[in-house]
Amino acid sequence: MILSSLPAKYETLKETLKYGREGLQLEEVISATKSKELEFQAESNSKSKAEGLYVKGNQNNNLKSRSQDGKKVCWICGKEGHFKRQCYKWLEKNKSGGNTQDTGEFGLAKDDAQDLVGLVASEVNLSEKQLDQNEWIMDTGCSFHMTPRRDIFIEIEELTSGKVRMANNSILEVKGIGKVRFINTDGTTFLLHDVRYMSGMSQNLISMGTLEAKGCVFKGNDGVLEVMQGNTVFMKGLRSASLYILQGEAKRSEAMVAESEDSDMDLTQVWHNRLGHVGQKEIDELAKKGCFGKDKVSSLKFCEDSVFGKTHKVSFGQAQHVTKETLDYVHSDLWGSPNVPLSLGKCQYFLTLTDDWSRKVWIYFLKTKDEAFDAFLLWEKMVEVQSERKVKRLRTDNGLEFCNHKFNDFCKQKGMVRHMTCTYTPQQNGIAERLNKTIMNKVRSMLSEWSWSKVLG
């Protein structure tokens, strides 16, 4: 019935279909039908509207292209799953022409009314994963950080200009630029600068290119994307549906937190603050004794103020020097200053030398600092004669009494190896520094005893 209604130019098609009655397979008949159809289209040099053989596509939809056997096939790369206008080869070819109309979640951004800023964000397939406004996508394609949430900004500068042209030609306004603080899952925090506030967006974006321009480094492995500054990993994302989602959340601004949580503030945190930021162990002990009355306490949350207030330098590990004999390793230091009261011998300084193997100590009192080299010469000659051994290594700080031409030349002539500590790091010369402390504790104790005995006289 359908064949009888075809135009005359499809008579040849009827002859082709006759072979189906002679035993040809149905697939061959369909293939022959398609071949004849393409021949008719070439002859007419236009798109036919014949019933049952050709359906004209929707010319208003820029995303649709022809399909074969009900599958999406790209004319450019020949792969299935996308159309021509979604093909990266077609986008690269037409990028300079300005006619690209990408249908991803975001396309081209226009930060000002005239200057276009390239912004190609990841195409989000919401059927695979439904994203909410609490999640942040770590994107290598977008040119700056963007969010539709106003409540998370701790600082924001309102803007009256600046527009963003989306992929579907819609226009969104950039209403502000500010800072957003994030809390990672391990409790650490970091601050993100230059975040655009755009109320019409549906997802939050973190621009990896912006972070890299500020000196950060990112790398991904086994579904984990890490962002580092120096040797510190401050941001981490996990892969989900081909997107990297930040493992952390934006901290709401202080004003919003006070407004929403003031009526239901955690009493444990209140007592923690009142008691000078005590630890969990102390709070549990006070709760057992009933010091909080009817108030119930729970586990403490991460307190950033406690970390800042109680931070201290990491202590130096104990130095180990492998010495087998005397004078293999010698520690030396100079104590004193021009403001120290004069001793009975008119001295304001003393030089100490400690043998690492035997821990024997020598002390030389000095009137000025420049006498340190002469005192060292006397000591070096004396110990070498008495022990019949040579001084092999000498450890001092970087004071000018040790770091001068005379001292250096003498050590080179004697074959003495110099070990000098880092500047402003007395911990690296701990044996000599602790000896100075021991000596001065004894001196102050004896002076105190002498002064009291004189008063009581």
Protein backbone atom coordinates (compact mmCIF):
# COMPACT_ATOMS: atom_id res chain seq x y z
CA MET A 1 0.00 0.00 0.00
CA ILE A 2 2.92 2.34 0.80
CA LEU A 3 4.71 1.60 -2.45
CA SER A 4 1.63 2.45 -4.51
CA SER A 5 1.65 5.98 -3.12
CA LEU A 6 5.29 6.74 -4.07
CA PRO A 7 6.08 9.19 -6.89
CA ALA A 8 7.07 7.93 -10.29
CA LYS A 9 10.75 8.54 -9.70
CA TYR A 10 10.77 5.68 -7.21
CA GLU A 11 9.69 3.06 -9.76
CA THR A 12 13.20 1.70 -9.75
CA LEU A 13 12.79 1.18 -6.00
CA LYS A 14 9.86 -1.14 -6.67
CA GLU A 15 12.05 -3.24 -8.92
CA THR A 16 14.60 -3.50 -6.13
CA LEU A 17 11.98 -4.68 -3.67
CA LYS A 18 10.93 -7.45 -6.07
CA TYR A 19 14.11 -9.28 -5.24
CA GLY A 20 12.75 -9.71 -1.75
CA ARG A 21 10.11 -12.04 -3.13
CA GLU A 22 12.76 -14.07 -4.90
CA GLY A 23 14.42 -15.08 -1.63
CA LEU A 24 16.88 -12.27 -0.84
CA GLN A 25 17.38 -11.48 2.79
CA LEU A 26 15.55 -8.57 4.38
CA GLU A 27 18.85 -6.83 5.28
CA GLU A 28 19.90 -6.77 1.60
CA VAL A 29 16.57 -5.26 0.64
CA ILE A 30 16.95 -2.49 3.23
CA SER A 31 20.52 -1.79 2.09
CA ALA A 32 19.44 -1.57 -1.55
CA THR A 33 16.59 0.73 -0.56
CA LYS A 34 18.95 3.11 1.20
CA SER A 35 21.29 3.15 -1.80
CA LYS A 36 18.48 4.08 -4.17
CA GLU A 37 17.29 6.73 -1.79
CA LEU A 38 20.74 8.38 -1.77
CA GLU A 39 20.80 8.32 -5.59
CA PHE A 40 17.45 10.09 -5.77
CA GLN A 41 18.65 12.73 -3.32
CA ALA A 42 21.77 13.40 -5.44
CA GLU A 43 19.66 13.81 -8.57
CA SER A 44 17.29 16.28 -7.02
CA ASN A 45 20.16 18.16 -5.20
CA SER A 46 17.74 18.98 -2.43
CA LYS A 47 16.13 17.32 0.52
CA SER A 48 13.05 15.40 -0.46
CA LYS A 49 9.87 15.22 1.56
CA ALA A 50 8.73 11.80 0.38
CA GLU A 51 6.48 9.94 2.79
CA GLY A 52 7.97 6.96 4.59
CA LEU A 53 11.49 7.37 3.10
CA TYR A 54 12.93 10.69 4.33
CA VAL A 55 12.11 12.91 7.27
CA LYS A 56 13.40 16.45 7.29
CA GLY A 57 15.33 17.33 10.45
CA ASN A 58 14.54 20.23 12.76
CA GLN A 59 16.57 23.11 11.36
CA ASN A 60 16.17 25.15 14.53
CA ASN A 61 18.03 22.64 16.68
CA ASN A 62 21.75 23.25 16.23
CA LEU A 63 22.72 20.17 18.18
CA LYS A 64 21.07 17.47 16.05
CA SER A 65 22.83 15.74 13.23
CA ARG A 66 22.05 12.66 11.21
CA SER A 67 21.99 9.30 12.94
CA GLN A 68 22.50 5.82 11.61
CA ASP A 69 20.42 2.94 12.86
CA GLY A 70 19.07 5.06 15.73
CA LYS A 71 22.56 5.88 17.13
CA LYS A 72 24.26 9.26 17.52
CA VAL A 73 27.07 9.44 14.98
CA CYS A 74 29.38 12.41 14.50
CA TRP A 75 30.10 13.41 10.89
CA ILE A 76 33.50 14.86 11.83
CA CYS A 77 35.25 12.08 13.75
CA GLY A 78 32.89 9.20 12.90
CA LYS A 79 32.45 8.19 16.55
CA GLU A 80 29.16 7.44 18.25
CA GLY A 81 27.71 9.16 21.30
CA HIS A 82 27.73 12.80 20.18
CA PHE A 83 26.81 15.07 17.29
CA LYS A 84 28.91 17.32 15.08
CA ARG A 85 28.41 20.47 17.15
CA GLN A 86 29.63 18.59 20.25
CA CYS A 87 32.77 17.21 18.58
CA TYR A 88 36.07 18.62 19.84
CA LYS A 89 37.47 18.62 16.28
CA TRP A 90 34.59 20.76 15.03
CA LEU A 91 34.94 23.10 18.04
CA GLU A 92 38.68 23.48 17.43
CA LYS A 93 38.11 24.20 13.75
CA ASN A 94 35.44 26.84 14.36
CA LYS A 95 36.85 28.33 17.54
CA SER A 96 38.19 31.44 15.83
CA GLY A 97 34.96 32.07 13.96
CA GLY A 98 32.92 32.77 17.09
CA ASN A 99 29.99 30.64 15.89
CA THR A 100 30.41 27.81 18.37
CA GLN A 101 27.31 27.15 20.42
CA ASP A 102 28.39 24.51 22.90
CA THR A 103 25.65 22.89 24.93
CA GLY A 104 27.76 22.10 27.97
CA GLU A 105 26.83 23.57 31.31
CA PHE A 106 29.03 26.56 30.53
CA GLY A 107 30.54 27.90 27.32
CA LEU A 108 32.08 31.36 26.84
CA ALA A 109 32.32 33.87 29.66
CA LYS A 110 32.17 37.61 29.16
CA ASP A 111 33.57 39.29 32.24
CA ASP A 112 33.05 42.76 30.87
CA ALA A 113 30.53 43.86 28.31
CA GLN A 114 33.15 43.95 25.55
CA ASP A 115 36.09 41.66 26.42
CA LEU A 116 35.48 37.92 26.12
CA VAL A 117 37.25 35.66 28.61
CA GLY A 118 37.62 32.07 27.41
CA LEU A 119 35.75 29.75 29.75
CA VAL A 120 35.17 26.16 28.72
CA ALA A 121 33.84 24.16 31.64
CA SER A 122 33.21 20.43 31.82
CA GLU A 123 29.99 19.31 30.19
CA VAL A 124 27.86 17.96 33.00
CA ASN A 125 25.46 15.14 32.24
CA LEU A 126 22.88 15.58 34.98
CA SER A 127 21.28 12.24 34.11
CA GLU A 128 24.46 10.52 35.32
CA LYS A 129 25.03 12.59 38.46
CA GLN A 130 22.83 15.18 40.06
CA LEU A 131 25.06 17.90 41.53
CA ASP A 132 23.99 20.22 44.34
CA GLN A 133 25.20 23.66 45.28
CA ASN A 134 27.27 22.34 48.19
CA GLU A 135 29.65 20.49 45.87
CA TRP A 136 32.53 22.19 44.06
CA ILE A 137 33.83 20.94 40.72
CA MET A 138 37.60 21.18 40.25
CA ASP A 139 37.72 22.16 36.58
CA THR A 140 40.78 22.68 34.38
CA GLY A 141 38.71 24.42 31.70
CA CYS A 142 37.12 27.39 33.46
CA SER A 143 39.09 30.61 33.66
CA PHE A 144 38.07 31.71 37.17
CA HIS A 145 36.24 30.49 40.31
CA MET A 146 32.43 30.90 40.24
CA THR A 147 29.54 30.18 42.60
CA PRO A 148 25.81 30.99 42.84
CA ARG A 149 25.89 31.16 46.66
CA ARG A 150 26.05 34.56 48.34
CA ASP A 151 26.03 33.32 51.94
CA ILE A 152 29.51 31.72 51.85
CA PHE A 153 31.51 34.88 51.06
CA ILE A 154 33.53 36.22 53.98
CA GLU A 155 34.45 39.29 51.90
CA ILE A 156 32.78 40.44 48.71
CA GLU A 157 32.99 43.48 46.45
CA GLU A 158 29.68 44.23 44.78
CA LEU A 159 29.79 44.81 41.01
CA THR A 160 27.36 46.61 38.74
CA SER A 161 29.01 45.56 35.47
CA GLY A 162 30.31 42.31 34.08
CA LYS A 163 28.30 39.75 32.18
CA VAL A 164 28.73 36.10 31.28
CA ARG A 165 27.50 34.66 28.01
CA MET A 166 26.49 31.06 28.58
CA ALA A 167 26.60 28.27 26.00
CA ASN A 168 22.91 28.61 25.16
CA ASN A 169 23.41 32.37 24.50
CA SER A 170 21.81 33.33 27.81
CA ILE A 171 23.43 36.18 29.75
CA LEU A 172 24.30 36.03 33.46
CA GLU A 173 25.60 38.94 35.49
CA VAL A 174 28.68 38.85 37.71
CA LYS A 175 27.31 40.46 40.86
CA GLY A 176 30.46 40.41 42.96
CA ILE A 177 34.01 39.15 43.54
CA GLY A 178 35.22 38.02 46.93
CA LYS A 179 36.85 35.42 49.17
CA VAL A 180 35.51 32.03 50.31
CA ARG A 181 36.94 29.91 53.13
CA PHE A 182 36.85 26.11 52.83
CA ILE A 183 37.08 23.36 55.46
CA ASN A 184 38.62 20.06 54.36
CA THR A 185 37.52 16.70 55.68
CA ASP A 186 40.60 16.53 57.93
CA GLY A 187 39.73 19.85 59.59
CA THR A 188 42.28 22.05 57.81
CA THR A 189 41.14 25.25 56.10
CA PHE A 190 42.19 27.33 53.11
CA LEU A 191 41.06 30.61 51.55
CA LEU A 192 40.04 30.97 47.89
CA HIS A 193 40.44 34.47 46.41
CA ASP A 194 38.75 36.15 43.42
CA VAL A 195 35.59 34.02 43.44
CA ARG A 196 32.83 35.33 41.13
CA TYR A 197 29.30 35.49 42.51
CA MET A 198 26.74 34.62 39.79
CA SER A 199 23.28 33.86 41.11
CA GLY A 200 22.00 32.20 37.93
CA MET A 201 24.47 29.29 37.92
CA SER A 202 23.63 25.78 39.02
CA GLN A 203 27.07 24.47 40.06
CA ASN A 204 30.19 25.75 41.84
CA LEU A 205 33.45 25.80 39.88
CA ILE A 206 37.08 25.95 41.06
CA SER A 207 39.45 27.05 38.30
CA MET A 208 42.58 24.91 38.33
CA GLY A 209 44.22 27.26 35.82
CA THR A 210 43.83 30.16 38.26
CA LEU A 211 45.44 28.12 41.04
CA GLU A 212 48.33 27.15 38.79
CA ALA A 213 48.90 30.80 37.85
CA LYS A 214 49.28 31.56 41.57
CA GLY A 215 52.04 29.00 42.00
CA CYS A 216 50.06 25.89 42.91
CA VAL A 217 50.70 22.43 41.44
CA PHE A 218 48.07 19.74 40.92
CA LYS A 219 48.33 16.10 39.95
CA GLY A 220 45.87 13.20 39.74
CA ASN A 221 46.27 9.50 40.32
CA ASP A 222 43.87 6.62 41.08
CA GLY A 223 40.84 8.89 41.01
CA VAL A 224 42.34 11.46 43.43
CA LEU A 225 43.33 15.00 42.40
CA GLU A 226 45.68 16.81 44.78
CA VAL A 227 46.52 20.53 44.74
CA MET A 228 49.79 21.50 46.45
CA GLN A 229 51.51 24.73 47.35
CA GLY A 230 55.12 23.97 48.11
CA ASN A 231 55.10 20.58 49.84
CA THR A 232 51.66 21.02 51.43
CA VAL A 233 48.51 19.44 49.98
CA PHE A 234 45.77 21.92 50.81
CA MET A 235 43.04 20.74 48.43
CA LYS A 236 41.93 17.27 47.36
CA GLY A 237 39.22 16.03 45.00
CA LEU A 238 37.78 12.58 44.22
CA ARG A 239 36.65 11.52 40.75
CA SER A 240 32.91 10.98 40.39
CA ALA A 241 31.22 10.47 37.01
CA SER A 242 34.33 11.81 35.19
CA LEU A 243 34.37 14.95 37.38
CA TYR A 244 36.64 15.77 40.33
CA ILE A 245 34.60 16.88 43.34
CA LEU A 246 36.29 18.83 46.13
CA GLN A 247 36.53 16.89 49.40
CA GLY A 248 35.46 19.73 51.63
CA GLU A 249 32.83 22.39 51.94
CA ALA A 250 32.63 26.14 51.95
CA LYS A 251 32.48 27.67 55.41
CA ARG A 252 29.58 30.05 55.81
CA SER A 253 30.38 33.65 56.69
CA GLU A 254 30.59 34.57 60.38
CA ALA A 255 27.50 36.78 60.20
CA MET A 256 25.36 33.98 58.78
CA VAL A 257 26.63 31.48 61.34
CA ALA A 258 25.86 33.81 64.22
CA GLU A 259 22.39 34.44 62.92
CA SER A 260 21.46 30.79 62.36
CA GLU A 261 23.25 29.07 65.28
CA ASP A 262 23.10 31.65 68.07
CA SER A 263 19.94 30.13 69.56
CA ASP A 264 21.31 26.59 69.45
CA MET A 265 25.02 27.04 70.23
CA ASP A 266 26.97 23.96 71.25
CA LEU A 267 27.49 24.17 75.02
CA THR A 268 30.64 22.08 74.77
CA GLN A 269 32.23 24.73 72.55
CA VAL A 270 31.04 27.45 74.95
CA TRP A 271 32.76 25.82 77.93
CA HIS A 272 35.82 25.11 75.80
CA ASN A 273 36.13 28.83 75.04
CA ARG A 274 35.40 29.97 78.60
CA LEU A 275 38.03 27.68 80.11
CA GLY A 276 40.81 29.00 77.90
CA HIS A 277 40.44 26.44 75.09
CA VAL A 278 41.11 23.37 77.24
CA GLY A 279 41.26 19.94 75.65
CA GLN A 280 38.70 17.16 75.47
CA LYS A 281 40.30 15.25 78.35
CA GLU A 282 39.96 18.18 80.77
CA ILE A 283 36.33 18.81 79.75
CA ASP A 284 35.40 15.15 80.31
CA GLU A 285 37.08 15.23 83.73
CA LEU A 286 35.17 18.35 84.76
CA ALA A 287 31.91 16.86 83.50
CA LYS A 288 32.40 13.75 85.70
CA LYS A 289 32.78 16.00 88.73
CA GLY A 290 29.54 17.83 87.86
CA CYS A 291 31.19 21.20 87.29
CA PHE A 292 28.89 21.99 84.36
CA GLY A 293 25.68 21.43 86.29
CA LYS A 294 22.83 20.30 84.07
CA ASP A 295 24.68 21.22 80.88
CA LYS A 296 25.54 18.25 78.72
CA VAL A 297 28.90 18.18 76.99
CA SER A 298 29.91 16.20 73.91
CA SER A 299 32.95 15.82 71.69
CA LEU A 300 34.79 18.97 70.73
CA LYS A 301 34.86 20.08 67.13
CA PHE A 302 37.97 21.33 65.38
CA CYS A 303 38.96 24.70 66.86
CA GLU A 304 41.12 26.82 64.57
CA ASP A 305 41.77 29.41 67.30
CA SER A 306 43.28 26.72 69.54
CA VAL A 307 45.68 25.72 66.79
CA PHE A 308 46.83 29.31 66.24
CA GLY A 309 47.17 30.01 69.95
CA LYS A 310 49.10 26.85 70.88
CA THR A 311 51.36 26.49 67.86
CA HIS A 312 55.04 26.04 68.66
CA LYS A 313 58.20 25.12 66.84
CA VAL A 314 59.02 21.46 66.43
CA SER A 315 61.89 20.52 68.72
CA PHE A 316 65.22 19.49 67.25
CA GLY A 317 66.19 15.87 67.42
CA GLN A 318 69.18 14.84 69.51
CA ALA A 319 72.40 15.13 67.55
CA GLN A 320 74.57 12.04 67.34
CA HIS A 321 78.32 12.28 66.71
CA VAL A 322 80.27 9.07 66.23
CA THR A 323 83.54 9.69 68.09
CA LYS A 324 86.02 7.01 69.13
CA GLU A 325 88.79 9.03 70.78
CA THR A 326 89.39 12.36 72.47
CA LEU A 327 89.56 15.51 70.33
CA ASP A 328 87.79 13.81 67.42
CA TYR A 329 84.97 16.33 67.80
CA VAL A 330 85.06 19.58 69.84
CA HIS A 331 82.14 21.91 70.66
CA SER A 332 82.88 25.59 71.35
CA ASP A 333 80.92 28.75 72.10
CA LEU A 334 81.46 32.30 73.42
CA TRP A 335 79.23 33.81 76.12
CA GLY A 336 78.98 37.46 77.18
CA SER A 337 78.21 40.99 76.01
CA PRO A 338 79.35 44.58 76.62
CA ASN A 339 76.40 45.04 79.01
CA VAL A 340 77.51 42.29 81.39
CA PRO A 341 78.92 43.64 84.68
CA LEU A 342 82.69 43.31 84.96
CA SER A 343 84.06 40.42 86.95
CA LEU A 344 86.78 40.77 89.55
CA GLY A 345 89.31 40.16 86.77
CA LYS A 346 87.64 42.86 84.57
CA CYS A 347 86.27 40.20 82.17
CA GLN A 348 82.89 40.24 80.39
CA TYR A 349 83.19 37.09 78.25
CA PHE A 350 84.21 33.47 78.54
CA LEU A 351 85.09 30.83 75.92
CA THR A 352 84.11 27.19 76.48
CA LEU A 353 85.47 24.12 74.68
CA THR A 354 83.96 20.66 75.22
CA ASP A 355 85.35 17.35 74.01
CA ASP A 356 82.53 15.24 72.59
CA TRP A 357 83.98 11.83 73.56
CA SER A 358 85.12 12.56 77.14
CA ARG A 359 82.87 15.58 77.85
CA LYS A 360 85.85 17.36 79.41
CA VAL A 361 85.36 21.13 79.56
CA TRP A 362 87.86 24.00 79.30
CA ILE A 363 86.93 27.62 80.14
CA TYR A 364 88.88 30.77 79.23
CA PHE A 365 87.84 34.19 80.57
CA LEU A 366 88.16 37.10 78.10
CA LYS A 367 88.02 40.86 78.40
CA THR A 368 86.99 41.38 74.75
CA LYS A 369 85.67 39.14 71.99
CA ASP A 370 88.75 39.50 69.82
CA GLU A 371 90.76 37.56 72.43
CA ALA A 372 88.88 34.36 71.46
CA PHE A 373 91.38 33.39 68.75
CA ASP A 374 94.41 33.79 71.03
CA ALA A 375 92.70 31.70 73.71
CA PHE A 376 91.92 29.00 71.17
CA LEU A 377 95.59 28.89 70.06
CA LEU A 378 96.71 28.36 73.67
CA TRP A 379 94.14 25.62 74.20
CA GLU A 380 94.93 23.84 70.92
CA LYS A 381 98.68 23.72 71.65
CA MET A 382 98.11 22.56 75.21
CA VAL A 383 95.69 19.68 74.48
CA GLU A 384 97.71 18.37 71.55
CA VAL A 385 100.90 18.25 73.64
CA GLN A 386 99.18 16.68 76.64
CA SER A 387 97.13 14.08 74.72
CA GLU A 388 99.47 13.58 71.80
CA ARG A 389 96.41 13.77 69.52
CA LYS A 390 95.19 16.31 66.95
CA VAL A 391 91.93 18.22 66.95
CA LYS A 392 89.98 16.85 63.99
CA ARG A 393 86.62 18.66 63.91
CA LEU A 394 85.46 21.91 65.52
CA ARG A 395 81.79 22.89 65.86
CA THR A 396 80.88 26.57 66.46
CA ASP A 397 78.22 29.10 65.56
CA ASN A 398 78.61 31.84 62.93
CA GLY A 399 79.85 34.53 65.32
CA LEU A 400 82.55 36.87 64.06
CA GLU A 401 84.91 35.65 66.77
CA PHE A 402 84.97 32.26 64.96
CA CYS A 403 84.29 33.30 61.36
CA ASN A 404 87.25 35.48 60.43
CA HIS A 405 90.34 35.15 58.24
CA LYS A 406 92.76 34.34 61.04
CA PHE A 407 90.58 31.57 62.45
CA ASN A 408 89.82 30.07 59.06
CA ASP A 409 93.42 30.14 57.85
CA PHE A 410 94.68 28.51 61.04
CA CYS A 411 92.15 25.65 60.79
CA LYS A 412 93.11 25.06 57.15
CA GLN A 413 96.79 24.86 58.01
CA LYS A 414 96.11 22.39 60.82
CA GLY A 415 93.71 20.31 58.71
CA MET A 416 90.83 20.99 61.12
CA VAL A 417 87.32 20.48 59.70
CA ARG A 418 84.88 23.30 60.56
CA HIS A 419 81.23 22.58 61.36
CA MET A 420 79.19 25.80 61.68
CA THR A 421 75.53 25.95 62.67
CA CYS A 422 72.77 27.81 60.86
CA THR A 423 72.16 31.45 61.74
CA TYR A 424 69.79 32.06 64.67
CA THR A 425 69.67 28.32 65.42
CA PRO A 426 71.42 27.72 68.76
CA GLN A 427 69.70 24.32 68.98
CA GLN A 428 72.27 22.95 66.54
CA ASN A 429 75.05 23.68 69.01
CA GLY A 430 73.19 22.27 71.98
CA ILE A 431 76.14 20.83 73.94
CA ALA A 432 77.93 24.19 74.12
CA GLU A 433 74.72 26.15 74.77
CA ARG A 434 73.62 23.88 77.63
CA LEU A 435 77.08 24.18 79.16
CA ASN A 436 76.73 27.97 79.14
CA LYS A 437 73.38 27.65 80.90
CA THR A 438 74.84 25.33 83.54
CA ILE A 439 77.72 27.70 84.23
CA MET A 440 75.53 30.78 84.51
CA ASN A 441 73.06 29.01 86.83
CA LYS A 442 75.94 28.28 89.18
CA VAL A 443 77.28 31.83 88.90
CA ARG A 444 73.91 33.44 89.69
CA SER A 445 73.38 31.10 92.63
CA MET A 446 76.78 31.94 94.13
CA LEU A 447 76.28 35.67 93.56
CA SER A 448 72.92 35.49 95.27
CA GLU A 449 74.45 33.61 98.22
CA TRP A 450 77.30 36.10 98.47
CA SER A 451 74.98 39.13 98.40
CA TRP A 452 72.71 37.71 101.14
CA SER A 453 75.66 36.68 103.33
CA LYS A 454 77.06 40.19 103.00
CA VAL A 455 73.73 41.76 103.99
CA LEU A 456 73.28 39.45 106.96
CA GLY A 457 76.96 39.81 107.75
